[in-house]
Amino acid sequence: MLFHLLSSPACSPPADKAIALILYGQSLLATVRWAKNSSRDKERLRGRGRPKVNRIRNEMDDLIEHQPPQTCSKCGQQGHNKRRCGK
């Protein structure tokens, strides 16, 4: 409410910092003394990108790989189907 009456903040930024140091000084000093842990567990870190598939392959996967390439029934070209045909 005081902010709206004076159209300026009720206290200046240095006062805010001083009050914050008084109130939270002990906890802020405690965080400064924390040891930096540079030896992070490499196995627990997630890698970048899409995860690899760990699915067990079977004989159906081999059949799919050896199928002839897809051909369009509309134009007869390979690599797309009737739905994605450009003609």
N, C-alpha and C. Protein backbone atom coordinates (compact mmCIF):
# COMPACT_ATOMS: atom_id res chain seq x y z
N MET A 1 0.82 -1.18 0.00
CA MET A 1 0.00 0.00 0.00
C MET A 1 0.87 1.25 0.00
N LEU A 2 1.95 1.23 0.78
CA LEU A 2 2.86 2.36 0.82
C LEU A 2 3.50 2.58 -0.54
N PHE A 3 3.73 1.51 -1.25
CA PHE A 3 4.31 1.59 -2.59
C PHE A 3 3.42 2.40 -3.53
N HIS A 4 2.12 2.17 -3.47
CA HIS A 4 1.20 2.87 -4.35
C HIS A 4 1.07 4.34 -3.99
N LEU A 5 1.15 4.67 -2.72
CA LEU A 5 1.01 6.06 -2.30
C LEU A 5 2.19 6.91 -2.73
N LEU A 6 3.38 6.37 -2.59
CA LEU A 6 4.57 7.14 -2.90
C LEU A 6 5.05 6.92 -4.34
N SER A 7 4.49 5.95 -5.00
CA SER A 7 4.88 5.51 -6.34
C SER A 7 6.37 5.20 -6.43
N SER A 8 6.92 4.71 -5.35
CA SER A 8 8.29 4.22 -5.31
C SER A 8 8.35 3.10 -4.28
N PRO A 9 9.34 2.23 -4.34
CA PRO A 9 9.42 1.13 -3.39
C PRO A 9 9.54 1.64 -1.95
N ALA A 10 9.03 0.85 -1.02
CA ALA A 10 9.03 1.25 0.39
C ALA A 10 10.44 1.28 0.96
N CYS A 11 11.34 0.45 0.47
CA CYS A 11 12.73 0.49 0.94
C CYS A 11 13.65 0.33 -0.26
N SER A 12 14.84 0.84 -0.13
CA SER A 12 15.78 0.83 -1.25
C SER A 12 16.45 -0.53 -1.38
N PRO A 13 16.98 -0.86 -2.55
CA PRO A 13 17.64 -2.15 -2.74
C PRO A 13 18.79 -2.43 -1.77
N PRO A 14 19.65 -1.44 -1.42
CA PRO A 14 20.68 -1.76 -0.43
C PRO A 14 20.10 -2.15 0.92
N ALA A 15 18.98 -1.52 1.31
CA ALA A 15 18.35 -1.89 2.58
C ALA A 15 17.80 -3.31 2.49
N ASP A 16 17.24 -3.67 1.35
CA ASP A 16 16.74 -5.02 1.17
C ASP A 16 17.86 -6.04 1.33
N LYS A 17 19.02 -5.75 0.75
CA LYS A 17 20.16 -6.67 0.85
C LYS A 17 20.66 -6.75 2.28
N ALA A 18 20.70 -5.62 2.97
CA ALA A 18 21.16 -5.62 4.36
C ALA A 18 20.22 -6.41 5.25
N ILE A 19 18.93 -6.25 5.04
CA ILE A 19 17.95 -7.00 5.83
C ILE A 19 18.05 -8.48 5.52
N ALA A 20 18.23 -8.82 4.25
CA ALA A 20 18.36 -10.23 3.88
C ALA A 20 19.59 -10.85 4.52
N LEU A 21 20.70 -10.12 4.56
CA LEU A 21 21.91 -10.64 5.20
C LEU A 21 21.71 -10.83 6.70
N ILE A 22 20.97 -9.92 7.33
CA ILE A 22 20.71 -10.07 8.76
C ILE A 22 19.85 -11.30 9.01
N LEU A 23 18.79 -11.45 8.22
CA LEU A 23 17.85 -12.54 8.45
C LEU A 23 18.42 -13.90 8.04
N TYR A 24 19.11 -13.96 6.90
CA TYR A 24 19.54 -15.23 6.35
C TYR A 24 21.06 -15.38 6.31
N GLY A 25 21.77 -14.55 7.03
CA GLY A 25 23.23 -14.55 6.97
C GLY A 25 23.85 -15.88 7.34
N GLN A 26 23.36 -16.51 8.40
CA GLN A 26 23.95 -17.78 8.84
C GLN A 26 23.77 -18.87 7.79
N SER A 27 22.59 -18.95 7.20
CA SER A 27 22.36 -20.00 6.20
C SER A 27 23.13 -19.71 4.90
N LEU A 28 23.31 -18.42 4.57
CA LEU A 28 24.09 -18.09 3.37
C LEU A 28 25.56 -18.42 3.57
N LEU A 29 26.08 -18.16 4.75
CA LEU A 29 27.48 -18.49 5.03
C LEU A 29 27.69 -20.00 5.02
N ALA A 30 26.70 -20.74 5.46
CA ALA A 30 26.83 -22.20 5.48
C ALA A 30 26.94 -22.76 4.06
N THR A 31 26.25 -22.16 3.11
CA THR A 31 26.31 -22.67 1.74
C THR A 31 27.64 -22.34 1.09
N VAL A 32 28.31 -21.29 1.52
CA VAL A 32 29.61 -20.94 0.96
C VAL A 32 30.65 -21.99 1.33
N ARG A 33 30.52 -22.58 2.49
CA ARG A 33 31.50 -23.55 2.98
C ARG A 33 31.28 -24.96 2.45
N TRP A 34 30.26 -25.18 1.68
CA TRP A 34 30.01 -26.52 1.15
C TRP A 34 31.15 -26.92 0.23
N ALA A 35 31.50 -28.18 0.29
CA ALA A 35 32.55 -28.71 -0.59
C ALA A 35 31.96 -28.94 -1.98
N LYS A 36 32.74 -28.61 -2.98
CA LYS A 36 32.30 -28.85 -4.35
C LYS A 36 32.55 -30.31 -4.70
N ASN A 37 31.52 -30.98 -5.16
CA ASN A 37 31.62 -32.38 -5.51
C ASN A 37 31.89 -32.48 -7.01
N SER A 38 33.14 -32.62 -7.37
CA SER A 38 33.49 -32.69 -8.79
C SER A 38 33.47 -34.12 -9.32
N SER A 39 33.41 -35.09 -8.44
CA SER A 39 33.41 -36.49 -8.89
C SER A 39 31.97 -37.01 -8.91
N ARG A 40 31.23 -36.60 -9.94
CA ARG A 40 29.86 -37.07 -10.07
C ARG A 40 29.86 -38.49 -10.63
N ASP A 41 28.87 -39.25 -10.24
CA ASP A 41 28.76 -40.63 -10.68
C ASP A 41 28.39 -40.65 -12.17
N LYS A 42 29.29 -41.11 -13.00
CA LYS A 42 29.09 -41.08 -14.46
C LYS A 42 27.96 -42.01 -14.90
N GLU A 43 27.72 -43.08 -14.17
CA GLU A 43 26.68 -44.02 -14.56
C GLU A 43 25.29 -43.46 -14.32
N ARG A 44 25.16 -42.56 -13.36
CA ARG A 44 23.86 -42.02 -13.02
C ARG A 44 23.48 -40.83 -13.88
N LEU A 45 24.43 -40.25 -14.60
CA LEU A 45 24.13 -39.11 -15.45
C LEU A 45 23.43 -39.57 -16.71
N ARG A 46 22.42 -38.84 -17.13
CA ARG A 46 21.71 -39.19 -18.35
C ARG A 46 22.45 -38.64 -19.55
N GLY A 47 22.50 -39.42 -20.59
CA GLY A 47 23.16 -38.98 -21.80
C GLY A 47 22.26 -38.06 -22.61
N ARG A 48 22.83 -37.42 -23.61
CA ARG A 48 22.08 -36.53 -24.46
C ARG A 48 21.39 -37.32 -25.56
N GLY A 49 20.28 -36.81 -26.03
CA GLY A 49 19.59 -37.40 -27.16
C GLY A 49 18.60 -38.49 -26.77
N ARG A 50 18.09 -39.14 -27.79
CA ARG A 50 17.09 -40.18 -27.59
C ARG A 50 17.75 -41.44 -27.03
N PRO A 51 17.13 -42.10 -26.06
CA PRO A 51 17.73 -43.31 -25.50
C PRO A 51 17.75 -44.46 -26.51
N LYS A 52 18.73 -45.33 -26.38
CA LYS A 52 18.84 -46.48 -27.26
C LYS A 52 17.76 -47.50 -26.91
N VAL A 53 17.33 -48.24 -27.92
CA VAL A 53 16.29 -49.25 -27.72
C VAL A 53 16.95 -50.52 -27.20
N ASN A 54 16.41 -51.05 -26.13
CA ASN A 54 16.95 -52.28 -25.54
C ASN A 54 16.03 -53.47 -25.80
N ARG A 55 15.21 -53.39 -26.83
CA ARG A 55 14.27 -54.46 -27.13
C ARG A 55 15.01 -55.67 -27.69
N ILE A 56 14.54 -56.84 -27.32
CA ILE A 56 15.12 -58.08 -27.83
C ILE A 56 14.55 -58.33 -29.23
N ARG A 57 15.43 -58.44 -30.20
CA ARG A 57 15.00 -58.64 -31.58
C ARG A 57 14.64 -60.12 -31.80
N ASN A 58 13.69 -60.37 -32.71
CA ASN A 58 13.29 -61.74 -33.02
C ASN A 58 13.32 -61.95 -34.54
N GLU A 59 12.82 -63.09 -34.99
CA GLU A 59 12.90 -63.41 -36.42
C GLU A 59 12.00 -62.51 -37.27
N MET A 60 10.97 -61.92 -36.70
CA MET A 60 10.12 -61.00 -37.45
C MET A 60 10.89 -59.74 -37.87
N ASP A 61 11.81 -59.30 -37.03
CA ASP A 61 12.61 -58.13 -37.37
C ASP A 61 13.50 -58.41 -38.58
N ASP A 62 14.03 -59.61 -38.67
CA ASP A 62 14.86 -59.97 -39.81
C ASP A 62 14.04 -60.00 -41.10
N LEU A 63 12.79 -60.47 -41.02
CA LEU A 63 11.93 -60.51 -42.20
C LEU A 63 11.59 -59.10 -42.68
N ILE A 64 11.36 -58.20 -41.77
CA ILE A 64 11.02 -56.82 -42.14
C ILE A 64 12.20 -56.15 -42.84
N GLU A 65 13.42 -56.42 -42.39
CA GLU A 65 14.60 -55.82 -42.99
C GLU A 65 14.84 -56.32 -44.41
N HIS A 66 14.41 -57.55 -44.72
CA HIS A 66 14.69 -58.14 -46.03
C HIS A 66 13.51 -57.99 -47.00
N GLN A 67 12.51 -57.22 -46.66
CA GLN A 67 11.37 -57.01 -47.55
C GLN A 67 11.78 -56.10 -48.70
N PRO A 68 11.11 -56.23 -49.84
CA PRO A 68 11.40 -55.31 -50.95
C PRO A 68 10.97 -53.89 -50.56
N PRO A 69 11.58 -52.88 -51.18
CA PRO A 69 11.22 -51.50 -50.82
C PRO A 69 9.76 -51.19 -51.15
N GLN A 70 9.21 -50.24 -50.44
CA GLN A 70 7.82 -49.84 -50.59
C GLN A 70 7.62 -49.13 -51.94
N THR A 71 6.54 -49.50 -52.64
CA THR A 71 6.24 -48.84 -53.92
C THR A 71 4.84 -48.26 -53.86
N CYS A 72 4.65 -47.18 -54.59
CA CYS A 72 3.37 -46.49 -54.63
C CYS A 72 2.45 -47.18 -55.63
N SER A 73 1.19 -47.41 -55.24
CA SER A 73 0.25 -48.05 -56.16
C SER A 73 -0.33 -47.05 -57.16
N LYS A 74 -0.10 -45.78 -56.95
CA LYS A 74 -0.61 -44.75 -57.84
C LYS A 74 0.35 -44.44 -58.98
N CYS A 75 1.65 -44.25 -58.64
CA CYS A 75 2.62 -43.89 -59.67
C CYS A 75 3.68 -44.97 -59.91
N GLY A 76 3.81 -45.93 -59.00
CA GLY A 76 4.75 -47.03 -59.18
C GLY A 76 6.17 -46.74 -58.72
N GLN A 77 6.45 -45.56 -58.19
CA GLN A 77 7.79 -45.24 -57.72
C GLN A 77 8.02 -45.81 -56.32
N GLN A 78 9.30 -45.97 -55.98
CA GLN A 78 9.66 -46.51 -54.68
C GLN A 78 9.85 -45.39 -53.66
N GLY A 79 9.69 -45.75 -52.39
CA GLY A 79 9.99 -44.82 -51.30
C GLY A 79 8.79 -44.11 -50.70
N HIS A 80 7.61 -44.25 -51.29
CA HIS A 80 6.42 -43.66 -50.68
C HIS A 80 5.22 -44.53 -51.02
N ASN A 81 4.06 -44.21 -50.44
CA ASN A 81 2.86 -44.97 -50.71
C ASN A 81 1.81 -44.08 -51.39
N LYS A 82 0.65 -44.63 -51.64
CA LYS A 82 -0.41 -43.91 -52.34
C LYS A 82 -0.84 -42.66 -51.58
N ARG A 83 -0.85 -42.74 -50.29
CA ARG A 83 -1.28 -41.62 -49.45
C ARG A 83 -0.31 -40.43 -49.54
N ARG A 84 0.97 -40.69 -49.65
CA ARG A 84 1.98 -39.64 -49.68
C ARG A 84 2.47 -39.32 -51.10
N CYS A 85 1.77 -39.80 -52.09
CA CYS A 85 2.18 -39.59 -53.48
C CYS A 85 2.02 -38.12 -53.85
N GLY A 86 2.98 -37.59 -54.57
CA GLY A 86 2.95 -36.19 -54.97
C GLY A 86 2.13 -35.92 -56.22
N LYS A 87 1.68 -36.94 -56.91
CA LYS A 87 0.93 -36.75 -58.16
C LYS A 87 -0.53 -36.53 -57.90
